[in-house]
N, C-alpha and C. Protein backbone atom coordinates (compact mmCIF):
# COMPACT_ATOMS: atom_id res chain seq x y z
N MET A 1 121.45 112.18 97.86
CA MET A 1 121.71 113.58 98.20
C MET A 1 122.26 113.59 99.67
N LYS A 2 123.39 114.25 99.75
CA LYS A 2 124.00 114.43 101.15
C LYS A 2 123.47 115.61 101.85
N GLU A 3 123.17 115.40 103.13
CA GLU A 3 122.72 116.52 104.06
C GLU A 3 123.69 116.54 105.23
N LYS A 4 124.91 116.87 105.04
CA LYS A 4 125.90 116.70 105.99
C LYS A 4 125.84 117.62 107.18
N SER A 5 125.01 118.63 107.10
CA SER A 5 125.04 119.62 108.08
C SER A 5 124.23 119.33 109.32
N PHE A 6 123.40 118.31 109.24
CA PHE A 6 122.44 118.08 110.40
C PHE A 6 123.22 117.24 111.57
N LYS A 7 122.87 117.73 112.73
CA LYS A 7 123.49 117.05 113.92
C LYS A 7 122.47 116.29 114.81
N GLY A 8 121.22 116.54 114.46
CA GLY A 8 120.09 115.93 115.20
C GLY A 8 118.95 115.46 114.31
N THR A 9 118.36 114.36 114.58
CA THR A 9 117.29 113.85 113.86
C THR A 9 116.14 113.54 114.77
N ILE A 10 114.98 114.09 114.46
CA ILE A 10 113.68 113.82 115.20
C ILE A 10 112.85 112.95 114.40
N PHE A 11 112.39 111.90 114.89
CA PHE A 11 111.50 110.95 114.15
C PHE A 11 110.09 110.96 114.57
N ASP A 12 109.21 110.89 113.71
CA ASP A 12 107.81 110.49 113.98
C ASP A 12 107.89 108.97 114.35
N LEU A 13 106.81 108.39 114.80
CA LEU A 13 106.81 107.11 115.32
C LEU A 13 106.02 106.05 114.41
N ASP A 14 104.67 106.16 114.47
CA ASP A 14 103.82 105.22 113.72
C ASP A 14 103.97 105.53 112.21
N GLY A 15 104.22 104.50 111.45
CA GLY A 15 104.34 104.64 110.02
C GLY A 15 105.76 105.08 109.55
N THR A 16 106.59 105.51 110.56
CA THR A 16 107.91 105.93 110.19
C THR A 16 108.99 104.92 110.78
N LEU A 17 108.83 104.56 112.10
CA LEU A 17 109.78 103.69 112.74
C LEU A 17 109.05 102.35 112.99
N ILE A 18 107.79 102.38 113.33
CA ILE A 18 107.04 101.20 113.73
C ILE A 18 105.69 101.00 112.99
N ASP A 19 105.20 99.78 113.04
CA ASP A 19 103.88 99.51 112.64
C ASP A 19 103.08 98.96 113.88
N SER A 20 102.25 99.80 114.36
CA SER A 20 101.45 99.33 115.58
C SER A 20 99.93 99.42 115.23
N TYR A 21 99.66 99.34 113.96
CA TYR A 21 98.19 99.52 113.56
C TYR A 21 97.35 98.38 114.10
N GLN A 22 97.90 97.14 114.22
CA GLN A 22 97.12 96.14 114.77
C GLN A 22 96.69 96.34 116.19
N ALA A 23 97.78 96.84 117.00
CA ALA A 23 97.42 97.08 118.37
C ALA A 23 96.42 98.22 118.50
N ILE A 24 96.55 99.24 117.67
CA ILE A 24 95.56 100.35 117.67
C ILE A 24 94.17 99.84 117.36
N PHE A 25 94.14 99.01 116.26
CA PHE A 25 92.76 98.45 115.81
C PHE A 25 92.16 97.66 116.95
N LEU A 26 92.90 96.71 117.62
CA LEU A 26 92.37 95.91 118.67
C LEU A 26 91.85 96.84 119.81
N SER A 27 92.56 97.89 120.09
CA SER A 27 92.14 98.82 121.14
C SER A 27 90.93 99.66 120.74
N PHE A 28 90.79 100.03 119.54
CA PHE A 28 89.59 100.75 119.05
C PHE A 28 88.44 99.79 119.05
N ARG A 29 88.63 98.61 118.70
CA ARG A 29 87.54 97.62 118.74
C ARG A 29 87.07 97.37 120.18
N HIS A 30 87.95 97.33 121.10
CA HIS A 30 87.62 97.21 122.51
C HIS A 30 86.74 98.42 122.95
N VAL A 31 87.16 99.59 122.57
CA VAL A 31 86.41 100.81 122.94
C VAL A 31 85.01 100.67 122.40
N TYR A 32 84.83 100.43 121.11
CA TYR A 32 83.53 100.50 120.46
C TYR A 32 82.59 99.37 121.00
N GLN A 33 83.20 98.19 121.22
CA GLN A 33 82.32 97.10 121.67
C GLN A 33 81.93 97.48 123.12
N ASN A 34 82.69 97.97 123.95
CA ASN A 34 82.30 98.25 125.30
C ASN A 34 81.39 99.44 125.43
N MET A 35 81.39 100.30 124.37
CA MET A 35 80.43 101.49 124.42
C MET A 35 79.17 101.17 123.55
N GLY A 36 79.09 99.95 123.08
CA GLY A 36 77.84 99.57 122.43
C GLY A 36 77.73 100.19 120.95
N ILE A 37 78.93 100.33 120.32
CA ILE A 37 78.91 100.99 119.03
C ILE A 37 79.55 100.04 118.03
N PRO A 38 78.98 99.83 116.89
CA PRO A 38 79.54 99.07 115.81
C PRO A 38 81.03 99.42 115.55
N PRO A 39 81.97 98.51 115.70
CA PRO A 39 83.36 98.89 115.56
C PRO A 39 83.85 99.28 114.11
N LEU A 40 84.83 100.07 114.12
CA LEU A 40 85.40 100.48 112.81
C LEU A 40 86.21 99.36 112.25
N SER A 41 86.35 99.31 110.87
CA SER A 41 87.13 98.33 110.26
C SER A 41 88.72 98.73 110.46
N PHE A 42 89.56 97.75 110.13
CA PHE A 42 90.99 98.05 110.23
C PHE A 42 91.40 99.25 109.29
N ALA A 43 90.87 99.21 108.10
CA ALA A 43 91.14 100.33 107.18
C ALA A 43 90.71 101.66 107.72
N GLU A 44 89.46 101.67 108.30
CA GLU A 44 88.87 102.88 108.83
C GLU A 44 89.78 103.43 110.03
N VAL A 45 90.24 102.54 110.87
CA VAL A 45 91.05 102.94 111.99
C VAL A 45 92.34 103.57 111.48
N LYS A 46 92.96 102.94 110.48
CA LYS A 46 94.21 103.52 109.92
C LYS A 46 94.01 104.96 109.34
N ARG A 47 92.83 105.16 108.83
CA ARG A 47 92.55 106.47 108.26
C ARG A 47 92.32 107.58 109.27
N VAL A 48 91.78 107.19 110.49
CA VAL A 48 91.32 108.18 111.40
C VAL A 48 92.43 108.63 112.35
N VAL A 49 93.45 107.80 112.63
CA VAL A 49 94.45 108.01 113.68
C VAL A 49 95.40 109.01 113.09
N GLY A 50 96.22 109.72 114.02
CA GLY A 50 97.19 110.65 113.56
C GLY A 50 97.29 111.89 114.31
N LEU A 51 96.14 112.45 114.88
CA LEU A 51 96.16 113.70 115.46
C LEU A 51 96.22 113.55 117.00
N GLY A 52 96.24 112.36 117.55
CA GLY A 52 96.23 112.12 119.00
C GLY A 52 94.90 111.55 119.36
N LEU A 53 94.80 110.73 120.34
CA LEU A 53 93.55 110.03 120.69
C LEU A 53 92.40 110.96 121.17
N SER A 54 92.79 111.97 121.94
CA SER A 54 91.74 112.77 122.42
C SER A 54 91.01 113.55 121.26
N THR A 55 91.75 114.00 120.35
CA THR A 55 91.17 114.63 119.15
C THR A 55 90.42 113.66 118.35
N THR A 56 90.99 112.47 118.11
CA THR A 56 90.31 111.43 117.28
C THR A 56 88.98 111.06 117.92
N PHE A 57 89.00 110.74 119.25
CA PHE A 57 87.72 110.32 119.82
C PHE A 57 86.71 111.41 119.97
N ARG A 58 87.19 112.71 120.11
CA ARG A 58 86.31 113.82 120.12
C ARG A 58 85.60 113.98 118.78
N ASP A 59 86.32 113.76 117.67
CA ASP A 59 85.74 113.89 116.33
C ASP A 59 84.78 112.72 116.07
N LEU A 60 85.15 111.58 116.54
CA LEU A 60 84.37 110.33 116.24
C LEU A 60 83.12 110.21 117.06
N LEU A 61 83.29 110.45 118.39
CA LEU A 61 82.32 110.08 119.42
C LEU A 61 81.66 111.24 120.17
N GLY A 62 82.25 112.44 120.09
CA GLY A 62 81.80 113.59 120.75
C GLY A 62 82.57 113.81 122.06
N GLU A 63 82.57 115.07 122.48
CA GLU A 63 83.29 115.50 123.67
C GLU A 63 83.03 114.67 124.93
N ASP A 64 81.71 114.34 125.17
CA ASP A 64 81.30 113.79 126.44
C ASP A 64 81.81 112.26 126.55
N ARG A 65 82.12 111.69 125.46
CA ARG A 65 82.56 110.26 125.47
C ARG A 65 84.04 110.05 125.52
N VAL A 66 84.77 111.16 125.42
CA VAL A 66 86.28 111.05 125.24
C VAL A 66 86.87 110.39 126.48
N PRO A 67 86.54 110.72 127.79
CA PRO A 67 87.19 110.20 128.90
C PRO A 67 87.00 108.64 128.94
N GLU A 68 85.78 108.25 128.68
CA GLU A 68 85.56 106.80 128.74
C GLU A 68 86.27 106.05 127.57
N ALA A 69 86.21 106.64 126.45
CA ALA A 69 86.97 106.05 125.34
C ALA A 69 88.52 105.95 125.68
N LEU A 70 89.04 107.00 126.08
CA LEU A 70 90.43 106.98 126.48
C LEU A 70 90.86 105.94 127.43
N LYS A 71 89.99 105.81 128.50
CA LYS A 71 90.22 104.81 129.55
C LYS A 71 90.23 103.41 128.89
N LEU A 72 89.12 103.09 128.14
CA LEU A 72 89.11 101.80 127.53
C LEU A 72 90.22 101.50 126.56
N PHE A 73 90.54 102.50 125.70
CA PHE A 73 91.64 102.25 124.76
C PHE A 73 92.98 101.99 125.47
N ARG A 74 93.26 102.72 126.50
CA ARG A 74 94.48 102.53 127.13
C ARG A 74 94.57 101.24 127.94
N GLN A 75 93.49 100.79 128.44
CA GLN A 75 93.49 99.43 129.13
C GLN A 75 93.85 98.37 128.14
N LYS A 76 93.13 98.41 127.01
CA LYS A 76 93.43 97.36 126.00
C LYS A 76 94.79 97.50 125.32
N TYR A 77 95.23 98.70 125.03
CA TYR A 77 96.54 98.95 124.35
C TYR A 77 97.63 98.46 125.34
N GLU A 78 97.56 98.74 126.56
CA GLU A 78 98.59 98.22 127.50
C GLU A 78 98.68 96.71 127.48
N GLU A 79 97.57 96.03 127.14
CA GLU A 79 97.57 94.57 127.18
C GLU A 79 98.13 94.00 125.83
N VAL A 80 97.94 94.73 124.71
CA VAL A 80 98.19 94.15 123.40
C VAL A 80 99.40 94.75 122.65
N PHE A 81 99.88 95.89 123.13
CA PHE A 81 100.81 96.58 122.22
C PHE A 81 102.17 95.85 121.98
N ARG A 82 102.63 95.21 123.00
CA ARG A 82 103.99 94.55 122.86
C ARG A 82 103.96 93.38 121.79
N LYS A 83 102.88 92.71 121.75
CA LYS A 83 102.84 91.51 120.82
C LYS A 83 102.42 92.00 119.47
N ASN A 84 101.91 93.24 119.33
CA ASN A 84 101.33 93.71 118.01
C ASN A 84 102.01 94.96 117.51
N THR A 85 103.24 95.27 117.91
CA THR A 85 104.00 96.40 117.35
C THR A 85 105.28 95.85 116.88
N PHE A 86 105.63 96.27 115.72
CA PHE A 86 106.80 95.78 114.98
C PHE A 86 107.71 96.97 114.44
N LEU A 87 108.94 96.84 114.48
CA LEU A 87 109.91 97.84 113.82
C LEU A 87 109.71 97.66 112.36
N LEU A 88 109.64 98.78 111.64
CA LEU A 88 109.57 98.83 110.19
C LEU A 88 110.99 98.41 109.63
N PRO A 89 111.05 97.92 108.45
CA PRO A 89 112.30 97.58 107.90
C PRO A 89 113.30 98.77 107.91
N GLY A 90 114.47 98.39 108.32
CA GLY A 90 115.53 99.44 108.45
C GLY A 90 115.59 100.31 109.61
N ALA A 91 114.54 100.21 110.48
CA ALA A 91 114.44 101.17 111.60
C ALA A 91 115.60 100.90 112.58
N ARG A 92 115.80 99.71 113.10
CA ARG A 92 116.89 99.48 114.00
C ARG A 92 118.27 99.86 113.36
N GLU A 93 118.54 99.51 112.11
CA GLU A 93 119.76 99.85 111.49
C GLU A 93 119.92 101.32 111.43
N VAL A 94 118.95 102.08 111.10
CA VAL A 94 119.02 103.54 110.95
C VAL A 94 119.29 104.16 112.30
N LEU A 95 118.54 103.83 113.32
CA LEU A 95 118.75 104.40 114.66
C LEU A 95 120.09 104.12 115.20
N GLU A 96 120.54 102.83 115.09
CA GLU A 96 121.83 102.45 115.62
C GLU A 96 123.04 103.13 114.72
N GLY A 97 122.77 103.21 113.46
CA GLY A 97 123.76 103.81 112.58
C GLY A 97 123.93 105.28 112.82
N LEU A 98 122.79 106.03 112.91
CA LEU A 98 122.97 107.47 113.21
C LEU A 98 123.48 107.72 114.61
N HIS A 99 123.10 106.98 115.58
CA HIS A 99 123.63 107.11 116.92
C HIS A 99 125.12 106.85 116.92
N GLY A 100 125.62 105.86 116.17
CA GLY A 100 126.97 105.50 116.07
C GLY A 100 127.80 106.61 115.44
N ARG A 101 127.20 107.35 114.66
CA ARG A 101 127.87 108.50 113.94
C ARG A 101 127.84 109.88 114.79
N GLY A 102 127.25 109.75 115.95
CA GLY A 102 127.17 110.95 116.80
C GLY A 102 126.03 111.83 116.63
N ILE A 103 125.04 111.37 115.76
CA ILE A 103 123.86 112.12 115.61
C ILE A 103 122.88 112.05 116.81
N LYS A 104 122.42 113.20 117.30
CA LYS A 104 121.49 113.09 118.36
C LYS A 104 120.05 112.72 117.90
N LEU A 105 119.40 111.85 118.65
CA LEU A 105 118.14 111.37 118.19
C LEU A 105 117.02 111.62 119.12
N ALA A 106 115.82 111.87 118.59
CA ALA A 106 114.64 112.10 119.45
C ALA A 106 113.44 111.58 118.70
N VAL A 107 112.30 111.45 119.39
CA VAL A 107 111.03 111.09 118.78
C VAL A 107 110.00 112.15 119.21
N ALA A 108 109.17 112.49 118.23
CA ALA A 108 107.99 113.38 118.48
C ALA A 108 106.81 112.72 117.81
N THR A 109 105.94 112.33 118.64
CA THR A 109 104.77 111.54 118.14
C THR A 109 103.42 111.94 118.84
N ASN A 110 102.39 111.83 118.05
CA ASN A 110 101.04 112.00 118.72
C ASN A 110 100.49 110.81 119.39
N LYS A 111 101.30 109.73 119.41
CA LYS A 111 100.98 108.66 120.35
C LYS A 111 101.23 108.99 121.75
N LEU A 112 100.50 108.45 122.72
CA LEU A 112 100.70 108.81 124.10
C LEU A 112 102.21 108.64 124.44
N GLY A 113 102.71 109.55 125.09
CA GLY A 113 104.21 109.54 125.40
C GLY A 113 104.67 108.39 126.19
N ARG A 114 103.86 107.96 127.16
CA ARG A 114 104.15 106.82 128.05
C ARG A 114 104.28 105.57 127.22
N PHE A 115 103.25 105.38 126.30
CA PHE A 115 103.35 104.17 125.48
C PHE A 115 104.50 104.18 124.53
N SER A 116 104.79 105.32 123.98
CA SER A 116 105.97 105.51 123.00
C SER A 116 107.22 105.09 123.70
N ARG A 117 107.47 105.52 124.94
CA ARG A 117 108.67 105.19 125.62
C ARG A 117 108.75 103.68 126.01
N GLU A 118 107.63 103.16 126.33
CA GLU A 118 107.52 101.69 126.62
C GLU A 118 107.80 100.89 125.33
N ILE A 119 107.40 101.35 124.20
CA ILE A 119 107.70 100.65 123.01
C ILE A 119 109.22 100.50 122.69
N PHE A 120 109.94 101.57 122.92
CA PHE A 120 111.39 101.51 122.72
C PHE A 120 112.09 100.71 123.84
N GLN A 121 111.56 100.74 124.97
CA GLN A 121 112.06 99.90 126.06
C GLN A 121 111.88 98.40 125.64
N HIS A 122 110.73 98.05 125.09
CA HIS A 122 110.45 96.72 124.68
C HIS A 122 111.48 96.28 123.60
N PHE A 123 111.87 97.15 122.66
CA PHE A 123 112.83 96.80 121.69
C PHE A 123 114.29 97.03 122.05
N GLY A 124 114.51 97.49 123.23
CA GLY A 124 115.84 97.74 123.75
C GLY A 124 116.56 98.86 123.10
N LEU A 125 115.81 99.90 122.66
CA LEU A 125 116.39 100.99 121.90
C LEU A 125 116.26 102.30 122.66
N GLU A 126 115.70 102.34 123.87
CA GLU A 126 115.34 103.61 124.57
C GLU A 126 116.60 104.49 124.82
N ASN A 127 117.77 103.86 125.02
CA ASN A 127 119.01 104.63 125.41
C ASN A 127 119.57 105.34 124.18
N LEU A 128 119.07 105.05 122.97
CA LEU A 128 119.61 105.71 121.87
C LEU A 128 119.08 107.23 121.75
N PHE A 129 118.05 107.52 122.48
CA PHE A 129 117.34 108.82 122.30
C PHE A 129 117.67 109.87 123.37
N ILE A 130 117.77 111.04 123.04
CA ILE A 130 117.86 112.16 123.99
C ILE A 130 116.53 112.33 124.67
N THR A 131 115.45 112.18 123.92
CA THR A 131 114.02 112.35 124.44
C THR A 131 113.11 111.69 123.51
N ILE A 132 112.02 111.25 124.09
CA ILE A 132 110.91 110.67 123.36
C ILE A 132 109.60 111.36 123.86
N VAL A 133 109.18 112.31 122.98
CA VAL A 133 107.98 113.15 123.48
C VAL A 133 106.73 112.86 122.76
N GLY A 134 105.63 112.72 123.38
CA GLY A 134 104.38 112.36 122.82
C GLY A 134 103.18 113.05 123.44
N ASP A 135 102.06 112.55 123.07
CA ASP A 135 100.77 113.10 123.64
C ASP A 135 100.78 113.14 125.07
N GLU A 136 100.33 114.27 125.62
CA GLU A 136 100.26 114.56 127.13
C GLU A 136 101.62 114.90 127.65
N ASP A 137 102.69 114.94 126.91
CA ASP A 137 103.96 115.43 127.41
C ASP A 137 104.14 116.92 127.18
N VAL A 138 103.36 117.47 126.20
CA VAL A 138 103.37 118.94 125.91
C VAL A 138 101.95 119.36 125.80
N PHE A 139 101.69 120.63 125.63
CA PHE A 139 100.43 121.16 125.60
C PHE A 139 99.67 120.99 124.28
N GLN A 140 100.48 120.98 123.19
CA GLN A 140 99.88 120.89 121.81
C GLN A 140 100.57 119.87 120.97
N ASN A 141 99.75 118.98 120.41
CA ASN A 141 100.29 117.95 119.44
C ASN A 141 100.60 118.43 118.10
N LYS A 142 101.25 117.69 117.31
CA LYS A 142 101.59 118.00 115.92
C LYS A 142 100.18 118.11 115.23
N PRO A 143 100.03 119.08 114.28
CA PRO A 143 101.11 119.79 113.53
C PRO A 143 101.69 121.06 114.26
N HIS A 144 101.13 121.44 115.41
CA HIS A 144 101.80 122.48 116.12
C HIS A 144 103.32 122.07 116.38
N PRO A 145 104.22 122.98 116.36
CA PRO A 145 105.63 122.61 116.39
C PRO A 145 106.11 122.41 117.84
N GLU A 146 105.25 122.51 118.86
CA GLU A 146 105.80 122.41 120.23
C GLU A 146 106.65 121.21 120.55
N MET A 147 106.19 120.06 120.01
CA MET A 147 107.00 118.83 120.34
C MET A 147 108.41 118.96 119.69
N LEU A 148 108.49 119.51 118.52
CA LEU A 148 109.80 119.64 117.90
C LEU A 148 110.75 120.69 118.71
N PHE A 149 110.05 121.73 119.09
CA PHE A 149 110.81 122.76 119.86
C PHE A 149 111.28 122.14 121.18
N TYR A 150 110.45 121.34 121.75
CA TYR A 150 110.83 120.67 123.00
C TYR A 150 112.01 119.72 122.80
N ALA A 151 111.90 118.92 121.74
CA ALA A 151 112.95 117.97 121.43
C ALA A 151 114.31 118.69 121.15
N MET A 152 114.26 119.72 120.38
CA MET A 152 115.54 120.50 120.01
C MET A 152 115.99 121.16 121.21
N GLY A 153 115.14 121.57 122.16
CA GLY A 153 115.71 122.12 123.36
C GLY A 153 116.44 121.03 124.16
N LYS A 154 115.96 119.85 124.24
CA LYS A 154 116.59 118.77 124.95
C LYS A 154 117.92 118.34 124.24
N MET A 155 117.95 118.49 122.90
CA MET A 155 119.09 118.12 122.17
C MET A 155 120.16 119.17 122.18
N GLY A 156 119.72 120.37 122.47
CA GLY A 156 120.66 121.55 122.51
C GLY A 156 121.04 121.95 121.09
N LEU A 157 120.13 121.81 120.18
CA LEU A 157 120.38 122.18 118.78
C LEU A 157 119.46 123.14 118.20
N PRO A 158 119.93 124.06 117.31
CA PRO A 158 119.06 124.99 116.62
C PRO A 158 118.30 124.28 115.44
N ASN A 159 117.26 124.79 114.99
CA ASN A 159 116.49 124.15 113.94
C ASN A 159 117.22 123.93 112.69
N LYS A 160 118.23 124.68 112.37
CA LYS A 160 118.99 124.59 111.09
C LYS A 160 119.91 123.38 111.12
N GLU A 161 120.09 122.78 112.35
CA GLU A 161 120.95 121.55 112.42
C GLU A 161 120.10 120.36 112.66
N VAL A 162 118.85 120.40 112.52
CA VAL A 162 117.95 119.26 112.74
C VAL A 162 117.08 118.95 111.55
N VAL A 163 116.91 117.66 111.39
CA VAL A 163 115.83 117.19 110.43
C VAL A 163 114.82 116.37 111.11
N PHE A 164 113.56 116.48 110.55
CA PHE A 164 112.46 115.71 111.12
C PHE A 164 112.06 114.69 110.02
N ILE A 165 111.97 113.46 110.53
CA ILE A 165 111.61 112.33 109.60
C ILE A 165 110.27 111.87 109.92
N GLY A 166 109.39 111.87 108.88
CA GLY A 166 107.94 111.38 109.10
C GLY A 166 107.42 110.68 107.83
N ASP A 167 106.12 110.36 107.93
CA ASP A 167 105.53 109.68 106.81
C ASP A 167 104.17 110.28 106.36
N SER A 168 103.82 111.46 106.92
CA SER A 168 102.50 111.89 106.65
C SER A 168 102.42 113.40 106.38
N LEU A 169 101.31 113.87 105.91
CA LEU A 169 101.11 115.33 105.66
C LEU A 169 101.21 116.14 106.95
N ILE A 170 100.71 115.55 108.07
CA ILE A 170 100.91 116.17 109.34
C ILE A 170 102.35 116.39 109.70
N ASP A 171 103.18 115.38 109.40
CA ASP A 171 104.57 115.52 109.74
C ASP A 171 105.30 116.62 108.85
N ILE A 172 104.86 116.68 107.60
CA ILE A 172 105.49 117.72 106.79
C ILE A 172 105.11 119.14 107.32
N GLN A 173 103.81 119.25 107.69
CA GLN A 173 103.44 120.57 108.12
C GLN A 173 104.05 120.87 109.47
N THR A 174 104.27 119.89 110.31
CA THR A 174 104.89 120.13 111.56
C THR A 174 106.35 120.54 111.45
N GLY A 175 107.08 119.89 110.54
CA GLY A 175 108.41 120.32 110.34
C GLY A 175 108.51 121.70 109.80
N LYS A 176 107.64 122.08 108.84
CA LYS A 176 107.67 123.41 108.29
C LYS A 176 107.29 124.45 109.36
N ASN A 177 106.35 124.08 110.17
CA ASN A 177 106.01 124.99 111.36
C ASN A 177 107.15 125.22 112.18
N ALA A 178 108.00 124.25 112.37
CA ALA A 178 109.21 124.31 113.27
C ALA A 178 110.41 124.91 112.60
N GLY A 179 110.36 124.99 111.31
CA GLY A 179 111.49 125.66 110.56
C GLY A 179 112.61 124.64 110.37
N VAL A 180 112.26 123.33 110.31
CA VAL A 180 113.39 122.35 110.13
C VAL A 180 113.16 121.62 108.78
N ARG A 181 114.22 121.06 108.25
CA ARG A 181 114.04 120.28 107.11
C ARG A 181 113.24 119.03 107.34
N VAL A 182 112.44 118.60 106.40
CA VAL A 182 111.51 117.42 106.58
C VAL A 182 111.84 116.36 105.44
N PHE A 183 112.26 115.21 106.01
CA PHE A 183 112.45 114.07 105.10
C PHE A 183 111.18 113.14 105.38
N VAL A 184 110.58 112.62 104.33
CA VAL A 184 109.53 111.68 104.50
C VAL A 184 109.73 110.39 103.76
N VAL A 185 109.13 109.35 104.33
CA VAL A 185 109.16 108.00 103.75
C VAL A 185 107.71 107.59 103.50
N PRO A 186 107.48 106.97 102.27
CA PRO A 186 106.08 106.63 101.97
C PRO A 186 105.76 105.17 102.59
N THR A 187 105.90 105.12 103.94
CA THR A 187 105.72 103.78 104.61
C THR A 187 104.53 103.87 105.49
N GLY A 188 103.75 104.94 105.52
CA GLY A 188 102.55 105.04 106.31
C GLY A 188 101.35 104.90 105.37
N VAL A 189 100.29 105.61 105.73
CA VAL A 189 99.04 105.43 104.94
C VAL A 189 98.89 106.50 103.80
N THR A 190 99.86 107.44 103.77
CA THR A 190 99.81 108.53 102.72
C THR A 190 100.60 108.08 101.53
N LYS A 191 99.98 108.28 100.39
CA LYS A 191 100.68 107.97 99.12
C LYS A 191 101.78 108.85 98.76
N ARG A 192 102.70 108.35 98.00
CA ARG A 192 103.83 109.15 97.67
C ARG A 192 103.46 110.47 96.96
N GLU A 193 102.58 110.35 95.96
CA GLU A 193 102.16 111.55 95.18
C GLU A 193 101.51 112.60 96.11
N ASP A 194 100.78 112.26 97.14
CA ASP A 194 100.24 113.15 98.06
C ASP A 194 101.33 113.75 98.91
N LEU A 195 102.35 113.09 99.32
CA LEU A 195 103.48 113.61 100.06
C LEU A 195 104.21 114.61 99.15
N GLU A 196 104.35 114.35 97.93
CA GLU A 196 105.06 115.25 97.04
C GLU A 196 104.35 116.52 96.89
N LYS A 197 103.05 116.61 96.95
CA LYS A 197 102.36 117.83 96.77
C LYS A 197 102.64 118.85 97.93
N PHE A 198 102.96 118.30 99.19
CA PHE A 198 103.24 119.10 100.22
C PHE A 198 104.64 119.53 100.33
N GLN A 199 105.49 119.17 99.37
CA GLN A 199 106.83 119.63 99.20
C GLN A 199 107.77 119.48 100.37
N PRO A 200 108.01 118.21 100.83
CA PRO A 200 108.99 118.09 101.85
C PRO A 200 110.39 118.33 101.28
N THR A 201 111.42 118.39 102.11
CA THR A 201 112.70 118.55 101.65
C THR A 201 113.17 117.49 100.76
N ILE A 202 112.95 116.27 101.26
CA ILE A 202 113.41 115.02 100.57
C ILE A 202 112.35 114.04 100.78
N ILE A 203 112.04 113.17 99.74
CA ILE A 203 111.27 111.99 99.84
C ILE A 203 112.25 110.79 99.67
N LEU A 204 112.36 110.01 100.82
CA LEU A 204 113.24 108.80 100.76
C LEU A 204 112.41 107.61 100.26
N ASP A 205 113.08 106.80 99.50
CA ASP A 205 112.36 105.53 98.99
C ASP A 205 112.16 104.58 100.14
N ARG A 206 113.23 104.48 101.00
CA ARG A 206 113.19 103.54 102.18
C ARG A 206 113.88 104.30 103.33
N LEU A 207 113.47 103.91 104.58
CA LEU A 207 114.08 104.59 105.74
C LEU A 207 115.58 104.37 105.76
N ILE A 208 116.08 103.19 105.34
CA ILE A 208 117.48 102.96 105.38
C ILE A 208 118.34 103.98 104.57
N ASP A 209 117.68 104.55 103.51
CA ASP A 209 118.35 105.51 102.70
C ASP A 209 118.78 106.72 103.47
N LEU A 210 118.15 106.97 104.64
CA LEU A 210 118.53 108.12 105.47
C LEU A 210 120.07 108.12 105.77
N LEU A 211 120.65 106.87 105.89
CA LEU A 211 122.04 106.74 106.26
C LEU A 211 122.89 107.30 105.02
N ASN A 212 122.40 107.33 103.86
CA ASN A 212 123.18 107.87 102.78
C ASN A 212 123.06 109.45 102.76
N CYS A 213 122.27 110.08 103.59
CA CYS A 213 122.15 111.44 103.56
C CYS A 213 123.05 112.11 104.60
N VAL A 214 123.75 111.34 105.35
CA VAL A 214 124.65 111.94 106.48
C VAL A 214 126.02 112.14 105.91
């Protein structure tokens, strides 16, 4: 299916462009061990992340323990994320291909914005993006549309000329809240049949298929 009218693409990060679950798991384990709590399993960590660390730790540990948990998590993540974060198949090709065709690119993620920008610096891709916006860069995380509105403002594009690419139900809701088309890939933790129930604009089999939509 061709979607020739879009001039800008906003990407989710984890599960869409990168796999950083090992880094997140190691950082969660560091938090729990230092706080004297039995750590979560890898599978449990994958299930609970997505809304931003402050919200996640508030739900798991309670409001009073959020500052300590955030500090411990960020200390460990800074140490481990470069060696434990990987581009998903097709991510580099898609980003470079869209950029080469003149499509404006941005990222909107509930991962801390500073770490998100450092990840793309690590992979040498930061110059492809108009903006990379994440947790603590705006007042409200996804599924609130503020990140997408911020990115579209930086891109200088209206919502009808932008698509949002994600892998989760949160991403579908965010795109709908912002009034943009939503393409999803079943490369995160959400099953394809569950993505279908939330009726995104398009479900791509693979990220690389996005190049066929331009």
